[in-house]
């Protein structure tokens, strides 16, 4: 299946708990960290929820 790589660009400080949990679900917890995930609708939805904190590097 296709892969997508995301990088965390924003800090979770002063963000709501559900946004912090979404970052953890994506495998991100520190500024600049990257994670490679399967490209499926659930991952795309998680990225959309925290789009102001992450950027798509590949895919």
PDB file of N, CA and C in Angstrom:
ATOM      1  N   UNK A   1       0.833  -1.180   0.000  1.00  0.00           N
ATOM      2  CA  UNK A   1       0.000   0.000   0.000  1.00  0.00           C
ATOM      3  C   UNK A   1       0.883   1.250   0.000  1.00  0.00           C
ATOM      4  N   UNK A   2       0.335   2.348  -0.431  1.00  0.00           N
ATOM      5  CA  UNK A   2       1.083   3.615  -0.510  1.00  0.00           C
ATOM      6  C   UNK A   2       1.448   4.105   0.889  1.00  0.00           C
ATOM      7  N   UNK A   3       2.576   4.784   0.960  1.00  0.00           N
ATOM      8  CA  UNK A   3       3.066   5.334   2.219  1.00  0.00           C
ATOM      9  C   UNK A   3       3.015   6.857   2.155  1.00  0.00           C
ATOM     10  N   UNK A   4       2.879   7.468   3.313  1.00  0.00           N
ATOM     11  CA  UNK A   4       2.885   8.923   3.421  1.00  0.00           C
ATOM     12  C   UNK A   4       3.779   9.292   4.607  1.00  0.00           C
ATOM     13  N   UNK A   5       4.607  10.311   4.430  1.00  0.00           N
ATOM     14  CA  UNK A   5       5.509  10.758   5.483  1.00  0.00           C
ATOM     15  C   UNK A   5       5.076  12.139   5.943  1.00  0.00           C
ATOM     16  N   UNK A   6       4.929  12.282   7.253  1.00  0.00           N
ATOM     17  CA  UNK A   6       4.531  13.564   7.824  1.00  0.00           C
ATOM     18  C   UNK A   6       5.592  14.025   8.816  1.00  0.00           C
ATOM     19  N   UNK A   7       5.769  15.350   8.915  1.00  0.00           N
ATOM     20  CA  UNK A   7       6.723  15.953   9.841  1.00  0.00           C
ATOM     21  C   UNK A   7       5.973  16.916  10.741  1.00  0.00           C
ATOM     22  N   UNK A   8       6.291  16.886  12.018  1.00  0.00           N
ATOM     23  CA  UNK A   8       5.660  17.807  12.955  1.00  0.00           C
ATOM     24  C   UNK A   8       6.371  19.150  12.871  1.00  0.00           C
ATOM     25  N   UNK A   9       5.588  20.206  12.646  1.00  0.00           N
ATOM     26  CA  UNK A   9       6.152  21.550  12.526  1.00  0.00           C
ATOM     27  C   UNK A   9       5.683  22.481  13.635  1.00  0.00           C
ATOM     28  N   UNK A  10       4.663  22.082  14.383  1.00  0.00           N
ATOM     29  CA  UNK A  10       4.132  22.933  15.441  1.00  0.00           C
ATOM     30  C   UNK A  10       4.166  22.232  16.786  1.00  0.00           C
ATOM     31  N   UNK A  11       4.179  23.014  17.826  1.00  0.00           N
ATOM     32  CA  UNK A  11       4.247  22.488  19.180  1.00  0.00           C
ATOM     33  C   UNK A  11       2.851  22.162  19.710  1.00  0.00           C
ATOM     34  N   UNK A  12       2.719  21.060  20.462  1.00  0.00           N
ATOM     35  CA  UNK A  12       1.426  20.734  21.062  1.00  0.00           C
ATOM     36  C   UNK A  12       1.130  21.506  22.352  1.00  0.00           C
ATOM     37  N   UNK A  13       2.044  22.375  22.745  1.00  0.00           N
ATOM     38  CA  UNK A  13       1.824  23.162  23.957  1.00  0.00           C
ATOM     39  C   UNK A  13       0.630  24.092  23.733  1.00  0.00           C
ATOM     40  N   UNK A  14      -0.247  24.183  24.735  1.00  0.00           N
ATOM     41  CA  UNK A  14      -1.471  24.992  24.701  1.00  0.00           C
ATOM     42  C   UNK A  14      -2.448  24.544  23.616  1.00  0.00           C
ATOM     43  N   UNK A  15      -2.420  23.272  23.257  1.00  0.00           N
ATOM     44  CA  UNK A  15      -3.390  22.704  22.325  1.00  0.00           C
ATOM     45  C   UNK A  15      -4.336  21.824  23.108  1.00  0.00           C
ATOM     46  N   UNK A  16      -5.480  21.549  22.515  1.00  0.00           N
ATOM     47  CA  UNK A  16      -6.470  20.702  23.170  1.00  0.00           C
ATOM     48  C   UNK A  16      -5.950  19.271  23.270  1.00  0.00           C
ATOM     49  N   UNK A  17      -6.472  18.539  24.239  1.00  0.00           N
ATOM     50  CA  UNK A  17      -6.019  17.174  24.482  1.00  0.00           C
ATOM     51  C   UNK A  17      -6.265  16.262  23.285  1.00  0.00           C
ATOM     52  N   UNK A  18      -7.358  16.476  22.539  1.00  0.00           N
ATOM     53  CA  UNK A  18      -7.612  15.609  21.393  1.00  0.00           C
ATOM     54  C   UNK A  18      -6.590  15.841  20.280  1.00  0.00           C
ATOM     55  N   UNK A  19      -6.080  17.073  20.148  1.00  0.00           N
ATOM     56  CA  UNK A  19      -5.046  17.336  19.149  1.00  0.00           C
ATOM     57  C   UNK A  19      -3.718  16.705  19.573  1.00  0.00           C
ATOM     58  N   UNK A  20      -3.423  16.745  20.848  1.00  0.00           N
ATOM     59  CA  UNK A  20      -2.219  16.075  21.350  1.00  0.00           C
ATOM     60  C   UNK A  20      -2.307  14.573  21.122  1.00  0.00           C
ATOM     61  N   UNK A  21      -3.472  13.999  21.389  1.00  0.00           N
ATOM     62  CA  UNK A  21      -3.661  12.560  21.194  1.00  0.00           C
ATOM     63  C   UNK A  21      -3.555  12.186  19.719  1.00  0.00           C
ATOM     64  N   UNK A  22      -4.018  13.057  18.839  1.00  0.00           N
ATOM     65  CA  UNK A  22      -3.910  12.799  17.405  1.00  0.00           C
ATOM     66  C   UNK A  22      -2.449  12.778  16.972  1.00  0.00           C
ATOM     67  N   UNK A  23      -1.641  13.687  17.499  1.00  0.00           N
ATOM     68  CA  UNK A  23      -0.211  13.680  17.192  1.00  0.00           C
ATOM     69  C   UNK A  23       0.446  12.388  17.664  1.00  0.00           C
ATOM     70  N   UNK A  24       0.093  11.940  18.850  1.00  0.00           N
ATOM     71  CA  UNK A  24       0.646  10.691  19.361  1.00  0.00           C
ATOM     72  C   UNK A  24       0.195   9.523  18.483  1.00  0.00           C
ATOM     73  N   UNK A  25      -1.052   9.553  18.037  1.00  0.00           N
ATOM     74  CA  UNK A  25      -1.559   8.515  17.154  1.00  0.00           C
ATOM     75  C   UNK A  25      -0.841   8.473  15.818  1.00  0.00           C
ATOM     76  N   UNK A  26      -0.352   9.622  15.372  1.00  0.00           N
ATOM     77  CA  UNK A  26       0.422   9.683  14.138  1.00  0.00           C
ATOM     78  C   UNK A  26       1.885   9.307  14.364  1.00  0.00           C
ATOM     79  N   UNK A  27       2.269   9.090  15.606  1.00  0.00           N
ATOM     80  CA  UNK A  27       3.651   8.741  15.915  1.00  0.00           C
ATOM     81  C   UNK A  27       4.548   9.949  16.067  1.00  0.00           C
ATOM     82  N   UNK A  28       3.968  11.106  16.334  1.00  0.00           N
ATOM     83  CA  UNK A  28       4.723  12.346  16.495  1.00  0.00           C
ATOM     84  C   UNK A  28       4.548  12.844  17.920  1.00  0.00           C
ATOM     85  N   UNK A  29       5.616  13.359  18.505  1.00  0.00           N
ATOM     86  CA  UNK A  29       5.498  13.920  19.847  1.00  0.00           C
ATOM     87  C   UNK A  29       6.538  14.996  20.111  1.00  0.00           C
ATOM     88  N   UNK A  30       7.350  15.311  19.099  1.00  0.00           N
ATOM     89  CA  UNK A  30       8.402  16.294  19.289  1.00  0.00           C
ATOM     90  C   UNK A  30       8.589  17.071  17.991  1.00  0.00           C
ATOM     91  N   UNK A  31       8.893  18.318  18.096  1.00  0.00           N
ATOM     92  CA  UNK A  31       9.066  19.185  16.938  1.00  0.00           C
ATOM     93  C   UNK A  31      10.146  18.642  16.002  1.00  0.00           C
ATOM     94  N   UNK A  32       9.846  18.570  14.712  1.00  0.00           N
ATOM     95  CA  UNK A  32      10.803  18.107  13.730  1.00  0.00           C
ATOM     96  C   UNK A  32      10.811  16.613  13.492  1.00  0.00           C
ATOM     97  N   UNK A  33      10.090  15.865  14.291  1.00  0.00           N
ATOM     98  CA  UNK A  33      10.069  14.416  14.142  1.00  0.00           C
ATOM     99  C   UNK A  33       9.231  14.018  12.935  1.00  0.00           C
ATOM    100  N   UNK A  34       9.626  12.959  12.235  1.00  0.00           N
ATOM    101  CA  UNK A  34       8.880  12.479  11.082  1.00  0.00           C
ATOM    102  C   UNK A  34       8.344  11.088  11.361  1.00  0.00           C
ATOM    103  N   UNK A  35       7.295  10.734  10.646  1.00  0.00           N
ATOM    104  CA  UNK A  35       6.677   9.423  10.779  1.00  0.00           C
ATOM    105  C   UNK A  35       6.165   8.993   9.413  1.00  0.00           C
ATOM    106  N   UNK A  36       6.397   7.731   9.055  1.00  0.00           N
ATOM    107  CA  UNK A  36       5.917   7.173   7.797  1.00  0.00           C
ATOM    108  C   UNK A  36       4.755   6.238   8.107  1.00  0.00           C
ATOM    109  N   UNK A  37       3.612   6.497   7.470  1.00  0.00           N
ATOM    110  CA  UNK A  37       2.376   5.759   7.750  1.00  0.00           C
ATOM    111  C   UNK A  37       1.746   5.306   6.443  1.00  0.00           C
ATOM    112  N   UNK A  38       0.819   4.359   6.546  1.00  0.00           N
ATOM    113  CA  UNK A  38       0.059   3.948   5.374  1.00  0.00           C
ATOM    114  C   UNK A  38      -0.893   5.069   4.972  1.00  0.00           C
ATOM    115  N   UNK A  39      -1.042   5.252   3.676  1.00  0.00           N
ATOM    116  CA  UNK A  39      -1.917   6.303   3.163  1.00  0.00           C
ATOM    117  C   UNK A  39      -3.329   5.753   3.035  1.00  0.00           C
ATOM    118  N   UNK A  40      -4.152   5.991   4.064  1.00  0.00           N
ATOM    119  CA  UNK A  40      -5.545   5.555   4.035  1.00  0.00           C
ATOM    120  C   UNK A  40      -6.427   6.676   4.589  1.00  0.00           C
ATOM    121  N   UNK A  41      -7.720   6.558   4.433  1.00  0.00           N
ATOM    122  CA  UNK A  41      -8.618   7.657   4.850  1.00  0.00           C
ATOM    123  C   UNK A  41      -8.519   8.025   6.327  1.00  0.00           C
ATOM    124  N   UNK A  42      -8.273   7.056   7.205  1.00  0.00           N
ATOM    125  CA  UNK A  42      -8.201   7.394   8.628  1.00  0.00           C
ATOM    126  C   UNK A  42      -6.958   8.228   8.939  1.00  0.00           C
ATOM    127  N   UNK A  43      -5.843   7.904   8.313  1.00  0.00           N
ATOM    128  CA  UNK A  43      -4.624   8.695   8.517  1.00  0.00           C
ATOM    129  C   UNK A  43      -4.798  10.081   7.911  1.00  0.00           C
ATOM    130  N   UNK A  44      -5.416  10.154   6.738  1.00  0.00           N
ATOM    131  CA  UNK A  44      -5.668  11.460   6.116  1.00  0.00           C
ATOM    132  C   UNK A  44      -6.554  12.327   7.008  1.00  0.00           C
ATOM    133  N   UNK A  45      -7.533  11.714   7.661  1.00  0.00           N
ATOM    134  CA  UNK A  45      -8.403  12.458   8.569  1.00  0.00           C
ATOM    135  C   UNK A  45      -7.657  12.976   9.784  1.00  0.00           C
ATOM    136  N   UNK A  46      -6.736  12.160  10.302  1.00  0.00           N
ATOM    137  CA  UNK A  46      -5.927  12.599  11.438  1.00  0.00           C
ATOM    138  C   UNK A  46      -5.024  13.764  11.037  1.00  0.00           C
ATOM    139  N   UNK A  47      -4.455  13.685   9.839  1.00  0.00           N
ATOM    140  CA  UNK A  47      -3.601  14.776   9.354  1.00  0.00           C
ATOM    141  C   UNK A  47      -4.422  16.049   9.184  1.00  0.00           C
ATOM    142  N   UNK A  48      -5.636  15.912   8.671  1.00  0.00           N
ATOM    143  CA  UNK A  48      -6.495  17.080   8.480  1.00  0.00           C
ATOM    144  C   UNK A  48      -6.853  17.736   9.811  1.00  0.00           C
ATOM    145  N   UNK A  49      -6.975  16.929  10.855  1.00  0.00           N
ATOM    146  CA  UNK A  49      -7.348  17.468  12.161  1.00  0.00           C
ATOM    147  C   UNK A  49      -6.238  18.334  12.762  1.00  0.00           C
ATOM    148  N   UNK A  50      -4.996  17.984  12.486  1.00  0.00           N
ATOM    149  CA  UNK A  50      -3.866  18.740  13.034  1.00  0.00           C
ATOM    150  C   UNK A  50      -3.018  19.335  11.907  1.00  0.00           C
ATOM    151  N   UNK A  51      -3.663  19.761  10.836  1.00  0.00           N
ATOM    152  CA  UNK A  51      -2.936  20.274   9.676  1.00  0.00           C
ATOM    153  C   UNK A  51      -2.110  21.508   9.986  1.00  0.00           C
ATOM    154  N   UNK A  52      -2.457  22.232  11.030  1.00  0.00           N
ATOM    155  CA  UNK A  52      -1.697  23.416  11.415  1.00  0.00           C
ATOM    156  C   UNK A  52      -0.434  23.057  12.218  1.00  0.00           C
ATOM    157  N   UNK A  53      -0.282  21.780  12.564  1.00  0.00           N
ATOM    158  CA  UNK A  53       0.871  21.338  13.336  1.00  0.00           C
ATOM    159  C   UNK A  53       1.807  20.410  12.563  1.00  0.00           C
ATOM    160  N   UNK A  54       1.386  19.927  11.388  1.00  0.00           N
ATOM    161  CA  UNK A  54       2.174  18.988  10.615  1.00  0.00           C
ATOM    162  C   UNK A  54       2.257  19.416   9.153  1.00  0.00           C
ATOM    163  N   UNK A  55       3.215  18.809   8.432  1.00  0.00           N
ATOM    164  CA  UNK A  55       3.289  18.987   6.991  1.00  0.00           C
ATOM    165  C   UNK A  55       3.556  17.626   6.361  1.00  0.00           C
ATOM    166  N   UNK A  56       3.008  17.403   5.177  1.00  0.00           N
ATOM    167  CA  UNK A  56       3.221  16.174   4.444  1.00  0.00           C
ATOM    168  C   UNK A  56       4.516  16.328   3.665  1.00  0.00           C
ATOM    169  N   UNK A  57       5.466  15.422   3.913  1.00  0.00           N
ATOM    170  CA  UNK A  57       6.760  15.495   3.259  1.00  0.00           C
ATOM    171  C   UNK A  57       6.718  14.728   1.948  1.00  0.00           C
ATOM    172  N   UNK A  58       6.139  13.520   1.941  1.00  0.00           N
ATOM    173  CA  UNK A  58       6.041  12.675   0.750  1.00  0.00           C
ATOM    174  C   UNK A  58       4.648  12.108   0.661  1.00  0.00           C
ATOM    175  N   UNK A  59       4.254  11.769  -0.548  1.00  0.00           N
ATOM    176  CA  UNK A  59       3.004  11.044  -0.741  1.00  0.00           C
ATOM    177  C   UNK A  59       1.851  11.810  -1.138  1.00  0.00           C
TER     178      UNK A  59
END
